[in-house]
N, C-alpha and C. Protein backbone atom coordinates (compact mmCIF):
# COMPACT_ATOMS: atom_id res chain seq x y z
N UNK A 1 25.23 -24.76 155.85
CA UNK A 1 25.98 -24.99 154.63
C UNK A 1 25.42 -26.22 153.93
N UNK A 2 25.11 -26.06 152.68
CA UNK A 2 24.57 -27.15 151.89
C UNK A 2 25.64 -27.68 150.93
N UNK A 3 25.53 -28.94 150.56
CA UNK A 3 26.45 -29.45 149.54
C UNK A 3 26.24 -28.69 148.24
N UNK A 4 27.30 -28.59 147.46
CA UNK A 4 27.22 -27.85 146.20
C UNK A 4 26.16 -28.40 145.27
N UNK A 5 25.99 -29.71 145.29
CA UNK A 5 25.04 -30.32 144.36
C UNK A 5 23.59 -30.01 144.71
N UNK A 6 23.32 -29.61 145.94
CA UNK A 6 21.94 -29.34 146.32
C UNK A 6 21.37 -28.13 145.60
N UNK A 7 22.22 -27.22 145.17
CA UNK A 7 21.76 -26.03 144.45
C UNK A 7 21.07 -26.43 143.14
N UNK A 8 21.49 -27.55 142.59
CA UNK A 8 20.95 -27.99 141.30
C UNK A 8 19.55 -28.59 141.41
N UNK A 9 19.17 -29.10 142.58
CA UNK A 9 17.87 -29.73 142.67
C UNK A 9 16.85 -28.95 143.49
N UNK A 10 17.25 -27.86 144.14
CA UNK A 10 16.30 -27.10 144.96
C UNK A 10 15.25 -26.42 144.09
N UNK A 11 15.67 -25.67 143.08
CA UNK A 11 14.71 -24.95 142.22
C UNK A 11 13.81 -25.92 141.45
N UNK A 12 14.36 -26.96 140.78
CA UNK A 12 13.47 -27.89 140.07
C UNK A 12 12.48 -28.60 141.01
N UNK A 13 12.94 -28.93 142.21
CA UNK A 13 12.05 -29.59 143.18
C UNK A 13 10.94 -28.63 143.61
N UNK A 14 11.31 -27.38 143.88
CA UNK A 14 10.32 -26.38 144.28
C UNK A 14 9.29 -26.18 143.17
N UNK A 15 9.76 -26.09 141.93
CA UNK A 15 8.85 -25.91 140.79
C UNK A 15 7.92 -27.12 140.63
N UNK A 16 8.48 -28.32 140.76
CA UNK A 16 7.70 -29.54 140.58
C UNK A 16 6.63 -29.69 141.66
N UNK A 17 6.98 -29.34 142.91
CA UNK A 17 6.04 -29.49 144.01
C UNK A 17 5.12 -28.28 144.18
N UNK A 18 5.47 -27.19 143.54
CA UNK A 18 4.66 -25.99 143.65
C UNK A 18 4.90 -25.21 144.93
N UNK A 19 6.08 -25.37 145.52
CA UNK A 19 6.44 -24.65 146.74
C UNK A 19 7.43 -23.54 146.42
N UNK A 20 7.55 -22.62 147.35
CA UNK A 20 8.51 -21.54 147.23
C UNK A 20 9.93 -22.11 147.31
N UNK A 21 10.85 -21.56 146.53
CA UNK A 21 12.23 -22.03 146.52
C UNK A 21 12.87 -21.90 147.91
N UNK A 22 12.55 -20.83 148.62
CA UNK A 22 13.11 -20.62 149.95
C UNK A 22 12.67 -21.72 150.91
N UNK A 23 11.41 -22.14 150.81
CA UNK A 23 10.90 -23.20 151.67
C UNK A 23 11.64 -24.51 151.41
N UNK A 24 11.82 -24.86 150.16
CA UNK A 24 12.53 -26.09 149.82
C UNK A 24 13.99 -25.97 150.26
N UNK A 25 14.59 -24.81 150.08
CA UNK A 25 15.97 -24.58 150.52
C UNK A 25 16.09 -24.77 152.03
N UNK A 26 15.13 -24.24 152.79
CA UNK A 26 15.13 -24.41 154.24
C UNK A 26 14.98 -25.88 154.64
N UNK A 27 14.11 -26.60 153.95
CA UNK A 27 13.90 -28.01 154.26
C UNK A 27 15.16 -28.82 153.98
N UNK A 28 15.79 -28.55 152.85
CA UNK A 28 17.03 -29.26 152.50
C UNK A 28 18.12 -28.90 153.51
N UNK A 29 18.21 -27.63 153.87
CA UNK A 29 19.19 -27.19 154.86
C UNK A 29 18.98 -27.87 156.20
N UNK A 30 17.72 -27.98 156.61
CA UNK A 30 17.40 -28.66 157.87
C UNK A 30 17.83 -30.12 157.81
N UNK A 31 17.55 -30.78 156.69
CA UNK A 31 17.92 -32.19 156.52
C UNK A 31 19.43 -32.36 156.63
N UNK A 32 20.20 -31.55 155.91
CA UNK A 32 21.65 -31.68 155.95
C UNK A 32 22.22 -31.34 157.31
N UNK A 33 21.62 -30.39 158.00
CA UNK A 33 22.08 -30.03 159.35
C UNK A 33 21.87 -31.21 160.29
N UNK A 34 20.70 -31.85 160.22
CA UNK A 34 20.40 -33.01 161.05
C UNK A 34 21.34 -34.18 160.71
N UNK A 35 21.61 -34.36 159.43
CA UNK A 35 22.51 -35.43 158.99
C UNK A 35 23.92 -35.19 159.53
N UNK A 36 24.42 -33.97 159.41
CA UNK A 36 25.75 -33.65 159.94
C UNK A 36 25.82 -33.87 161.44
N UNK A 37 24.77 -33.47 162.16
CA UNK A 37 24.75 -33.64 163.61
C UNK A 37 24.81 -35.13 163.97
N UNK A 38 24.06 -35.93 163.26
CA UNK A 38 24.05 -37.37 163.52
C UNK A 38 25.43 -37.96 163.27
N UNK A 39 26.09 -37.54 162.20
CA UNK A 39 27.42 -38.05 161.89
C UNK A 39 28.44 -37.60 162.93
N UNK A 40 28.37 -36.36 163.34
CA UNK A 40 29.32 -35.81 164.31
C UNK A 40 29.12 -36.42 165.69
N UNK A 41 27.87 -36.71 166.05
CA UNK A 41 27.57 -37.25 167.37
C UNK A 41 28.05 -38.69 167.55
N UNK A 42 28.42 -39.35 166.47
CA UNK A 42 28.93 -40.72 166.51
C UNK A 42 28.02 -41.63 167.34
N UNK A 43 26.76 -41.66 166.99
CA UNK A 43 25.79 -42.45 167.75
C UNK A 43 25.88 -43.93 167.47
N UNK A 44 26.51 -44.30 166.40
CA UNK A 44 26.64 -45.71 166.08
C UNK A 44 27.60 -45.91 164.93
N UNK A 45 28.05 -47.14 164.73
CA UNK A 45 29.02 -47.40 163.66
C UNK A 45 28.41 -47.31 162.26
N UNK A 46 27.09 -47.47 162.16
CA UNK A 46 26.41 -47.40 160.87
C UNK A 46 25.24 -46.43 160.97
N UNK A 47 25.17 -45.52 160.03
CA UNK A 47 24.05 -44.59 159.98
C UNK A 47 23.41 -44.75 158.61
N UNK A 48 22.14 -45.12 158.60
CA UNK A 48 21.43 -45.31 157.33
C UNK A 48 20.39 -44.22 157.16
N UNK A 49 20.41 -43.60 156.01
CA UNK A 49 19.45 -42.56 155.68
C UNK A 49 18.64 -43.08 154.49
N UNK A 50 17.34 -43.31 154.71
CA UNK A 50 16.51 -43.84 153.61
C UNK A 50 16.58 -42.95 152.37
N UNK A 51 16.68 -43.58 151.23
CA UNK A 51 16.73 -42.92 149.92
C UNK A 51 17.92 -41.99 149.76
N UNK A 52 18.92 -42.15 150.61
CA UNK A 52 20.10 -41.28 150.52
C UNK A 52 21.39 -42.09 150.55
N UNK A 53 21.45 -43.08 151.43
CA UNK A 53 22.64 -43.91 151.52
C UNK A 53 22.95 -44.28 152.95
N UNK A 54 24.09 -44.90 153.13
CA UNK A 54 24.51 -45.27 154.48
C UNK A 54 25.95 -44.83 154.69
N UNK A 55 26.25 -44.58 155.95
CA UNK A 55 27.58 -44.12 156.33
C UNK A 55 28.12 -45.08 157.36
N UNK A 56 29.35 -45.52 157.16
CA UNK A 56 29.97 -46.46 158.08
C UNK A 56 31.22 -45.83 158.68
N UNK A 57 31.41 -46.09 159.97
CA UNK A 57 32.61 -45.63 160.65
C UNK A 57 33.77 -46.52 160.20
N UNK A 58 34.87 -45.90 159.84
CA UNK A 58 36.05 -46.66 159.46
C UNK A 58 36.80 -47.03 160.73
N UNK A 59 36.75 -48.31 161.06
CA UNK A 59 37.33 -48.79 162.30
C UNK A 59 38.83 -48.46 162.40
N UNK A 60 39.51 -48.51 161.29
CA UNK A 60 40.95 -48.26 161.30
C UNK A 60 41.29 -46.80 161.59
N UNK A 61 40.31 -45.91 161.43
CA UNK A 61 40.54 -44.49 161.67
C UNK A 61 40.38 -44.11 163.15
N UNK A 62 39.68 -44.94 163.92
CA UNK A 62 39.42 -44.60 165.31
C UNK A 62 40.69 -44.49 166.15
N UNK A 63 41.66 -45.42 166.04
CA UNK A 63 42.88 -45.26 166.83
C UNK A 63 43.63 -43.96 166.48
N UNK A 64 43.60 -43.58 165.21
CA UNK A 64 44.25 -42.33 164.80
C UNK A 64 43.55 -41.14 165.46
N UNK A 65 42.23 -41.19 165.49
CA UNK A 65 41.45 -40.11 166.09
C UNK A 65 41.69 -40.05 167.59
N UNK A 66 41.76 -41.22 168.25
CA UNK A 66 42.06 -41.25 169.67
C UNK A 66 43.43 -40.66 169.96
N UNK A 67 44.41 -41.02 169.15
CA UNK A 67 45.76 -40.49 169.33
C UNK A 67 45.78 -38.97 169.14
N UNK A 68 45.06 -38.51 168.13
CA UNK A 68 44.99 -37.07 167.86
C UNK A 68 44.39 -36.32 169.04
N UNK A 69 43.27 -36.81 169.56
CA UNK A 69 42.63 -36.15 170.70
C UNK A 69 43.52 -36.19 171.94
N UNK A 70 44.16 -37.33 172.20
CA UNK A 70 45.05 -37.44 173.36
C UNK A 70 46.24 -36.50 173.24
N UNK A 71 46.80 -36.42 172.04
CA UNK A 71 47.93 -35.52 171.82
C UNK A 71 47.51 -34.07 172.06
N UNK A 72 46.35 -33.72 171.55
CA UNK A 72 45.85 -32.36 171.73
C UNK A 72 45.59 -32.07 173.22
N UNK A 73 45.06 -33.06 173.93
CA UNK A 73 44.81 -32.88 175.37
C UNK A 73 46.11 -32.70 176.15
N UNK A 74 47.16 -33.40 175.73
CA UNK A 74 48.45 -33.28 176.41
C UNK A 74 49.09 -31.91 176.20
N UNK A 75 48.80 -31.29 175.09
CA UNK A 75 49.37 -29.97 174.77
C UNK A 75 48.64 -28.86 175.52
N UNK A 76 47.34 -29.04 175.72
CA UNK A 76 46.53 -27.99 176.34
C UNK A 76 46.95 -27.70 177.77
N UNK A 77 46.91 -26.43 178.11
CA UNK A 77 47.13 -26.00 179.48
C UNK A 77 45.88 -25.23 179.90
N UNK A 78 45.00 -25.89 180.66
CA UNK A 78 43.71 -25.26 180.98
C UNK A 78 43.81 -24.13 182.00
N UNK A 79 44.71 -23.20 181.74
CA UNK A 79 44.88 -22.06 182.65
C UNK A 79 43.93 -20.93 182.30
N UNK A 80 43.40 -20.96 181.09
CA UNK A 80 42.44 -19.94 180.67
C UNK A 80 41.09 -20.61 180.45
N UNK A 81 40.06 -19.80 180.44
CA UNK A 81 38.73 -20.35 180.23
C UNK A 81 38.61 -21.00 178.85
N UNK A 82 39.23 -20.39 177.85
CA UNK A 82 39.16 -20.94 176.49
C UNK A 82 39.82 -22.31 176.44
N UNK A 83 41.01 -22.42 177.01
CA UNK A 83 41.72 -23.70 177.00
C UNK A 83 40.94 -24.75 177.80
N UNK A 84 40.34 -24.34 178.93
CA UNK A 84 39.56 -25.28 179.75
C UNK A 84 38.34 -25.76 178.98
N UNK A 85 37.71 -24.85 178.23
CA UNK A 85 36.55 -25.22 177.43
C UNK A 85 36.95 -26.20 176.33
N UNK A 86 38.05 -25.93 175.66
CA UNK A 86 38.54 -26.82 174.60
C UNK A 86 38.87 -28.19 175.20
N UNK A 87 39.50 -28.20 176.36
CA UNK A 87 39.85 -29.45 177.02
C UNK A 87 38.59 -30.26 177.34
N UNK A 88 37.56 -29.60 177.85
CA UNK A 88 36.31 -30.29 178.18
C UNK A 88 35.67 -30.88 176.92
N UNK A 89 35.66 -30.10 175.83
CA UNK A 89 35.09 -30.59 174.57
C UNK A 89 35.86 -31.79 174.03
N UNK A 90 37.18 -31.72 174.11
CA UNK A 90 38.01 -32.84 173.62
C UNK A 90 37.80 -34.09 174.47
N UNK A 91 37.66 -33.92 175.77
CA UNK A 91 37.42 -35.08 176.63
C UNK A 91 36.07 -35.72 176.29
N UNK A 92 35.09 -34.88 175.98
CA UNK A 92 33.77 -35.39 175.58
C UNK A 92 33.88 -36.16 174.26
N UNK A 93 34.59 -35.59 173.29
CA UNK A 93 34.78 -36.27 172.00
C UNK A 93 35.54 -37.58 172.18
N UNK A 94 36.54 -37.56 173.05
CA UNK A 94 37.34 -38.75 173.31
C UNK A 94 36.46 -39.87 173.87
N UNK A 95 35.56 -39.53 174.78
CA UNK A 95 34.65 -40.54 175.34
C UNK A 95 33.75 -41.11 174.26
N UNK A 96 33.28 -40.26 173.35
CA UNK A 96 32.42 -40.73 172.26
C UNK A 96 33.16 -41.70 171.35
N UNK A 97 34.40 -41.37 171.01
CA UNK A 97 35.19 -42.24 170.13
C UNK A 97 35.48 -43.56 170.84
N UNK A 98 35.81 -43.51 172.12
CA UNK A 98 36.07 -44.74 172.86
C UNK A 98 34.81 -45.61 172.94
N UNK A 99 33.66 -44.99 173.17
CA UNK A 99 32.40 -45.74 173.23
C UNK A 99 32.08 -46.36 171.87
N UNK A 100 32.33 -45.61 170.80
CA UNK A 100 32.08 -46.13 169.46
C UNK A 100 33.01 -47.29 169.14
N UNK A 101 34.26 -47.17 169.53
CA UNK A 101 35.23 -48.24 169.32
C UNK A 101 34.80 -49.50 170.09
N UNK A 102 34.34 -49.33 171.32
CA UNK A 102 33.87 -50.46 172.12
C UNK A 102 32.65 -51.10 171.47
N UNK A 103 31.74 -50.27 170.97
CA UNK A 103 30.54 -50.78 170.30
C UNK A 103 30.91 -51.60 169.07
N UNK A 104 31.87 -51.14 168.30
CA UNK A 104 32.31 -51.86 167.10
C UNK A 104 32.93 -53.20 167.48
N UNK A 105 33.76 -53.21 168.52
CA UNK A 105 34.39 -54.46 168.96
C UNK A 105 33.34 -55.46 169.47
N UNK A 106 32.35 -54.96 170.21
CA UNK A 106 31.28 -55.84 170.69
C UNK A 106 30.48 -56.42 169.52
N UNK A 107 30.24 -55.61 168.51
CA UNK A 107 29.50 -56.07 167.34
C UNK A 107 30.31 -57.13 166.57
N UNK A 108 31.61 -56.94 166.47
CA UNK A 108 32.46 -57.93 165.80
C UNK A 108 32.44 -59.26 166.55
N UNK A 109 32.51 -59.18 167.89
CA UNK A 109 32.48 -60.39 168.71
C UNK A 109 31.14 -61.11 168.56
N UNK A 110 30.05 -60.33 168.55
CA UNK A 110 28.72 -60.91 168.39
C UNK A 110 28.59 -61.62 167.04
N UNK A 111 29.12 -60.98 166.00
CA UNK A 111 29.07 -61.58 164.66
C UNK A 111 29.90 -62.86 164.60
N UNK A 112 31.06 -62.85 165.23
CA UNK A 112 31.92 -64.03 165.23
C UNK A 112 31.23 -65.20 165.92
N UNK A 113 30.57 -64.94 167.03
CA UNK A 113 29.84 -65.99 167.75
C UNK A 113 28.69 -66.51 166.89
N UNK A 114 27.97 -65.60 166.25
CA UNK A 114 26.85 -66.00 165.38
C UNK A 114 27.35 -66.89 164.25
N UNK A 115 28.44 -66.51 163.61
CA UNK A 115 28.98 -67.29 162.49
C UNK A 115 29.43 -68.67 162.97
N UNK A 116 30.08 -68.71 164.13
CA UNK A 116 30.54 -69.98 164.68
C UNK A 116 29.35 -70.90 164.97
N UNK A 117 28.31 -70.36 165.62
CA UNK A 117 27.13 -71.15 165.93
C UNK A 117 26.42 -71.62 164.67
N UNK A 118 26.35 -70.77 163.67
CA UNK A 118 25.71 -71.12 162.40
C UNK A 118 26.47 -72.26 161.73
N UNK A 119 27.79 -72.15 161.74
CA UNK A 119 28.62 -73.19 161.14
C UNK A 119 28.40 -74.53 161.85
N UNK A 120 28.32 -74.50 163.17
CA UNK A 120 28.08 -75.72 163.93
C UNK A 120 26.71 -76.31 163.61
N UNK A 121 25.69 -75.46 163.51
CA UNK A 121 24.34 -75.94 163.15
C UNK A 121 24.34 -76.56 161.76
N UNK A 122 25.01 -75.93 160.83
CA UNK A 122 25.07 -76.44 159.46
C UNK A 122 25.77 -77.79 159.42
N UNK A 123 26.86 -77.92 160.19
CA UNK A 123 27.59 -79.19 160.22
C UNK A 123 26.72 -80.30 160.80
N UNK A 124 25.93 -79.98 161.83
CA UNK A 124 25.03 -80.97 162.42
C UNK A 124 23.96 -81.41 161.42
N UNK A 125 23.45 -80.43 160.66
CA UNK A 125 22.43 -80.76 159.66
C UNK A 125 23.01 -81.67 158.59
N UNK A 126 24.23 -81.39 158.15
CA UNK A 126 24.86 -82.21 157.13
C UNK A 126 25.07 -83.63 157.65
N UNK A 127 25.52 -83.76 158.89
CA UNK A 127 25.74 -85.09 159.49
C UNK A 127 24.42 -85.85 159.61
N UNK A 128 23.37 -85.15 160.02
CA UNK A 128 22.09 -85.84 160.21
C UNK A 128 21.47 -86.26 158.87
N UNK A 129 21.71 -85.52 157.82
CA UNK A 129 21.19 -85.91 156.50
C UNK A 129 21.99 -87.06 155.90
N UNK A 130 23.24 -87.19 156.29
CA UNK A 130 24.07 -88.28 155.78
C UNK A 130 23.76 -89.60 156.44
N UNK A 131 23.19 -89.53 157.64
CA UNK A 131 22.91 -90.76 158.38
C UNK A 131 21.64 -91.42 157.95
């Protein structure tokens, strides 16, 4: 599935580059599929795509997502193969969200330490220039 706006640039791009429209459509489709997979896999809090933009995980949404997955897990009764499969998938997603949340918290702590150390260095420089 491609974004609606991609239909507008596939034909002009194919014409400009001298390629078949189907080939350009396949390339764009491959790009969007890879982008969606990267976003869904939650590999990091920030995903940057050159010449396209960046995507940031909304930290405030993670607790809601964790609650949603936990609630869904509590409702499931893995007595059938389908329910057991859904339960396994949800547990996997839950681990990804928890890992992402931990990564965000570690990054915040690292930034706080960096800012504190920078402030201390700056204060020392100011004191040494005043003396």
